[in-house]
Amino acid sequence: MPIISLSELEQYLWSAANILRGPVEHSDFKTYIFPLLFFKRISDVYDEEYQQALEESGEDIEYAHYAENYRFQIPDGAHWKDVREKTVNVGQALSYALRGIEKANPDTLYGIFGDAQWTNKERFSDGLLLQLIEHFSTVNLSNSNVEPDMAGQAYEYLIKKFADISKKKAGEFYTPRSVVRLMTLILDPNEKESIYDPACGTGGMLLEARARRNRDTRRERHSQIPRR
């Protein structure tokens, strides 16, 4: 079970958005909160995978640094911890880290962090960015603490909140969970089938389809167990 509950994760992310009230318009919250959420999660999962590689190799540090051990690559100086150590020109360090990760993962992460102007000191003083980074640093977003589907649900929660304060409908930004469940029930994906989502945003439908497929597989295996 994840250490962080969904409600705790939602409030944690919403509190991060509230730090930006004033310098940032409500309609622009997502431009800044989502990149930090992705950056923090990528860094925490990277650390988790590093520890796993160390354990598997009997504390072999050289082996633990092999790129094959990681889902995403984080180049030197582009980890969350590197940005957190900065006290001046924090926006510049943040931009460097985000661009570095995108370039190191061109097939999977290029462009994921958007084009937020982190170096605009009129909007983002070093003090404000430090406060925001310290807030995100209070929670570990690794897979052992936060399940992937829970992160997706929290992401959708934020989209809805941002839509509400912008006086827009959340359906303009993502497909509600009830509709996603209906779609996966209709599709009824099997283990050897693949699903293509040309309008993939939060990835909620793909996650739900995979979860449904796994539930069906477990149910089928359970039904095949001989009963005494």
Protein backbone atom coordinates (compact mmCIF):
# COMPACT_ATOMS: atom_id res chain seq x y z
CA MET A 1 0.00 0.00 0.00
CA PRO A 2 1.23 3.53 -0.77
CA ILE A 3 2.42 5.57 2.19
CA ILE A 4 0.64 8.69 0.89
CA SER A 5 -3.14 8.63 0.57
CA LEU A 6 -4.83 10.19 -2.44
CA SER A 7 -6.38 12.98 -0.37
CA GLU A 8 -3.00 13.80 1.18
CA LEU A 9 -1.36 13.93 -2.22
CA GLU A 10 -4.12 16.16 -3.60
CA GLN A 11 -3.85 18.63 -0.73
CA TYR A 12 -0.06 18.60 -0.98
CA LEU A 13 -0.23 19.59 -4.65
CA TRP A 14 -2.96 22.16 -4.10
CA SER A 15 -0.87 23.77 -1.35
CA ALA A 16 1.97 24.06 -3.86
CA ALA A 17 -0.36 25.93 -6.22
CA ASN A 18 -1.38 28.30 -3.42
CA ILE A 19 2.25 29.37 -3.00
CA LEU A 20 2.01 30.90 -6.48
CA ARG A 21 -1.07 32.99 -5.73
CA GLY A 22 -0.29 36.60 -6.54
CA PRO A 23 2.67 36.39 -8.92
CA VAL A 24 0.84 33.92 -11.16
CA GLU A 25 -2.67 34.09 -12.64
CA HIS A 26 -4.98 31.21 -11.71
CA SER A 27 -5.22 30.15 -15.32
CA ASP A 28 -1.42 29.72 -15.44
CA PHE A 29 -1.01 27.56 -12.32
CA LYS A 30 -0.77 24.36 -14.35
CA THR A 31 2.09 25.82 -16.42
CA TYR A 32 4.30 25.83 -13.32
CA ILE A 33 2.94 23.18 -10.94
CA PHE A 34 2.88 20.26 -13.38
CA PRO A 35 6.52 20.61 -14.50
CA LEU A 36 7.65 20.64 -10.86
CA LEU A 37 5.47 17.63 -10.09
CA PHE A 38 6.99 15.68 -13.00
CA PHE A 39 10.52 16.81 -12.14
CA LYS A 40 10.21 15.80 -8.49
CA ARG A 41 8.68 12.42 -9.33
CA ILE A 42 11.30 11.63 -11.98
CA SER A 43 14.06 12.48 -9.49
CA ASP A 44 12.53 10.43 -6.66
CA VAL A 45 11.97 7.40 -8.89
CA TYR A 46 15.56 7.72 -10.15
CA ASP A 47 16.83 7.63 -6.56
CA GLU A 48 14.65 4.62 -5.85
CA GLU A 49 16.00 2.78 -8.89
CA TYR A 50 19.55 3.64 -7.83
CA GLN A 51 19.01 2.05 -4.43
CA GLN A 52 17.47 -1.02 -6.05
CA ALA A 53 20.47 -1.35 -8.37
CA LEU A 54 22.83 -1.10 -5.38
CA GLU A 55 20.97 -3.85 -3.54
CA GLU A 56 20.87 -6.10 -6.59
CA SER A 57 24.62 -5.71 -7.20
CA GLY A 58 25.82 -6.02 -3.62
CA GLU A 59 26.64 -2.30 -3.32
CA ASP A 60 28.45 -2.13 -6.67
CA ILE A 61 28.40 1.63 -7.32
CA GLU A 62 29.70 1.32 -10.87
CA TYR A 63 26.90 -1.10 -11.76
CA ALA A 64 24.31 1.09 -10.05
CA HIS A 65 25.15 3.96 -12.41
CA TYR A 66 24.51 1.96 -15.59
CA ALA A 67 21.86 3.68 -17.71
CA GLU A 68 20.00 0.39 -18.15
CA ASN A 69 18.94 0.51 -14.50
CA TYR A 70 16.78 3.58 -15.03
CA ARG A 71 13.50 4.32 -16.72
CA PHE A 72 14.63 7.90 -17.37
CA GLN A 73 18.09 9.41 -17.46
CA ILE A 74 19.07 12.40 -15.30
CA PRO A 75 22.33 14.04 -16.41
CA ASP A 76 24.83 15.54 -13.96
CA GLY A 77 23.56 18.74 -12.37
CA ALA A 78 19.94 18.12 -13.43
CA HIS A 79 18.60 16.26 -10.39
CA TRP A 80 16.06 17.80 -8.02
CA LYS A 81 18.73 17.84 -5.30
CA ASP A 82 21.00 19.94 -7.52
CA VAL A 83 18.35 22.63 -7.88
CA ARG A 84 17.47 22.48 -4.19
CA GLU A 85 21.06 23.30 -3.26
CA LYS A 86 20.88 26.63 -5.11
CA THR A 87 20.10 29.82 -3.20
CA VAL A 88 20.62 32.36 -6.00
CA ASN A 89 19.58 32.20 -9.65
CA VAL A 90 17.27 29.33 -8.75
CA GLY A 91 15.16 29.82 -11.87
CA GLN A 92 18.22 29.45 -14.07
CA ALA A 93 19.22 26.23 -12.31
CA LEU A 94 15.67 24.90 -12.66
CA SER A 95 15.54 25.68 -16.38
CA TYR A 96 18.93 24.01 -16.88
CA ALA A 97 17.76 20.86 -15.10
CA LEU A 98 14.46 20.58 -16.98
CA ARG A 99 16.04 21.12 -20.39
CA GLY A 100 18.82 18.67 -19.50
CA ILE A 101 16.36 15.90 -18.65
CA GLU A 102 14.38 16.50 -21.83
CA LYS A 103 17.53 16.28 -23.97
CA ALA A 104 18.70 13.14 -22.16
CA ASN A 105 15.34 11.44 -22.88
CA PRO A 106 14.40 12.72 -26.36
CA ASP A 107 12.07 9.83 -27.21
CA THR A 108 10.03 9.95 -24.01
CA LEU A 109 10.29 13.31 -22.23
CA TYR A 110 11.17 15.93 -24.83
CA GLY A 111 8.91 18.95 -24.36
CA ILE A 112 7.18 17.53 -21.28
CA PHE A 113 8.20 20.44 -19.05
CA GLY A 114 6.71 23.10 -21.28
CA ASP A 115 8.05 26.60 -21.76
CA ALA A 116 7.53 28.24 -18.37
CA GLN A 117 9.72 31.32 -17.87
CA TRP A 118 11.44 30.26 -14.65
CA THR A 119 14.19 32.87 -15.08
CA ASN A 120 11.74 35.79 -14.96
CA LYS A 121 12.78 37.29 -11.61
CA GLU A 122 10.01 39.88 -11.71
CA ARG A 123 7.56 37.02 -11.35
CA PHE A 124 9.72 34.42 -9.60
CA SER A 125 12.12 35.71 -7.01
CA ASP A 126 14.69 33.29 -5.64
CA GLY A 127 12.77 33.34 -2.36
CA LEU A 128 9.49 32.28 -4.01
CA LEU A 129 11.10 29.46 -5.97
CA LEU A 130 12.96 28.25 -2.88
CA GLN A 131 9.67 28.16 -0.98
CA LEU A 132 8.03 26.20 -3.78
CA ILE A 133 10.92 23.75 -4.08
CA GLU A 134 11.06 23.21 -0.33
CA HIS A 135 7.33 22.46 -0.31
CA PHE A 136 7.72 19.81 -3.01
CA SER A 137 10.73 18.41 -1.13
CA THR A 138 8.60 17.50 1.90
CA VAL A 139 7.12 14.43 0.19
CA ASN A 140 8.82 11.51 -1.53
CA LEU A 141 7.05 10.78 -4.83
CA SER A 142 8.79 7.47 -5.59
CA ASN A 143 6.84 4.42 -6.72
CA SER A 144 7.02 2.87 -3.26
CA ASN A 145 5.30 5.95 -1.79
CA VAL A 146 2.92 6.89 -4.59
CA GLU A 147 1.39 4.42 -7.02
CA PRO A 148 1.41 5.53 -10.68
CA ASP A 149 -2.38 5.51 -10.91
CA MET A 150 -2.64 7.62 -7.76
CA ALA A 151 -0.30 10.20 -9.27
CA GLY A 152 -2.57 10.26 -12.31
CA GLN A 153 -5.65 10.77 -10.16
CA ALA A 154 -3.97 13.62 -8.29
CA TYR A 155 -3.00 15.14 -11.64
CA GLU A 156 -6.65 15.02 -12.74
CA TYR A 157 -7.70 16.56 -9.41
CA LEU A 158 -5.41 19.51 -10.07
CA ILE A 159 -6.73 19.94 -13.59
CA LYS A 160 -10.27 20.09 -12.22
CA LYS A 161 -9.27 22.59 -9.53
CA PHE A 162 -7.46 24.77 -12.06
CA ALA A 163 -10.47 24.60 -14.37
CA ASP A 164 -12.82 25.58 -11.52
CA ILE A 165 -10.86 28.68 -10.54
CA SER A 166 -10.54 29.62 -14.22
CA LYS A 167 -14.32 29.23 -14.59
CA LYS A 168 -13.95 26.53 -17.22
CA LYS A 169 -15.20 22.97 -17.42
CA ALA A 170 -12.72 20.28 -16.43
CA GLY A 171 -13.92 18.18 -19.37
CA GLU A 172 -12.16 20.64 -21.65
CA PHE A 173 -8.83 19.44 -20.26
CA TYR A 174 -9.28 15.73 -19.46
CA THR A 175 -11.75 12.86 -19.72
CA PRO A 176 -13.62 12.27 -16.42
CA ARG A 177 -12.96 8.95 -14.67
CA SER A 178 -16.53 7.76 -15.10
CA VAL A 179 -16.22 8.12 -18.88
CA VAL A 180 -12.81 6.41 -18.84
CA ARG A 181 -14.24 3.41 -16.97
CA LEU A 182 -17.12 3.16 -19.42
CA MET A 183 -14.72 3.26 -22.38
CA THR A 184 -12.51 0.51 -20.95
CA LEU A 185 -15.57 -1.63 -20.18
CA ILE A 186 -16.64 -1.30 -23.80
CA LEU A 187 -13.13 -2.00 -25.12
CA ASP A 188 -12.63 -4.90 -22.67
CA PRO A 189 -8.85 -5.16 -23.39
CA ASN A 190 -7.21 -8.58 -23.24
CA GLU A 191 -3.65 -9.38 -22.18
CA LYS A 192 -2.23 -9.67 -25.72
CA GLU A 193 -4.01 -6.62 -27.13
CA SER A 194 -2.71 -3.05 -27.33
CA ILE A 195 -4.58 0.25 -27.03
CA TYR A 196 -3.83 3.41 -28.97
CA ASP A 197 -4.97 6.73 -27.52
CA PRO A 198 -4.30 9.51 -30.08
CA ALA A 199 -5.49 12.18 -27.66
CA CYS A 200 -3.56 10.94 -24.64
CA GLY A 201 -3.29 13.66 -22.02
CA THR A 202 -3.07 12.48 -18.42
CA GLY A 203 -2.82 8.85 -19.53
CA GLY A 204 -5.80 7.98 -17.34
CA MET A 205 -7.48 5.78 -19.93
CA LEU A 206 -4.31 3.78 -20.58
CA LEU A 207 -3.76 3.28 -16.85
CA GLU A 208 -7.37 2.21 -16.32
CA ALA A 209 -7.18 -0.20 -19.29
CA ARG A 210 -4.02 -1.75 -17.89
CA ALA A 211 -5.54 -2.02 -14.40
CA ARG A 212 -8.65 -3.67 -15.81
CA ARG A 213 -6.56 -6.11 -17.86
CA ASN A 214 -4.52 -7.01 -14.76
CA ARG A 215 -7.67 -7.51 -12.68
CA ASP A 216 -9.14 -9.80 -15.35
CA THR A 217 -5.88 -11.76 -15.56
CA ARG A 218 -5.74 -12.25 -11.77
CA ARG A 219 -9.41 -13.29 -11.73
CA GLU A 220 -8.80 -15.82 -14.50
CA ARG A 221 -5.77 -17.29 -12.74
CA HIS A 222 -7.71 -17.51 -9.48
CA SER A 223 -10.54 -19.36 -11.20
CA GLN A 224 -8.05 -21.95 -12.49
CA ILE A 225 -6.77 -22.83 -9.01
CA PRO A 226 -7.98 -26.34 -8.06
CA ARG A 227 -10.41 -26.25 -5.19
CA ARG A 228 -10.32 -28.81 -2.43
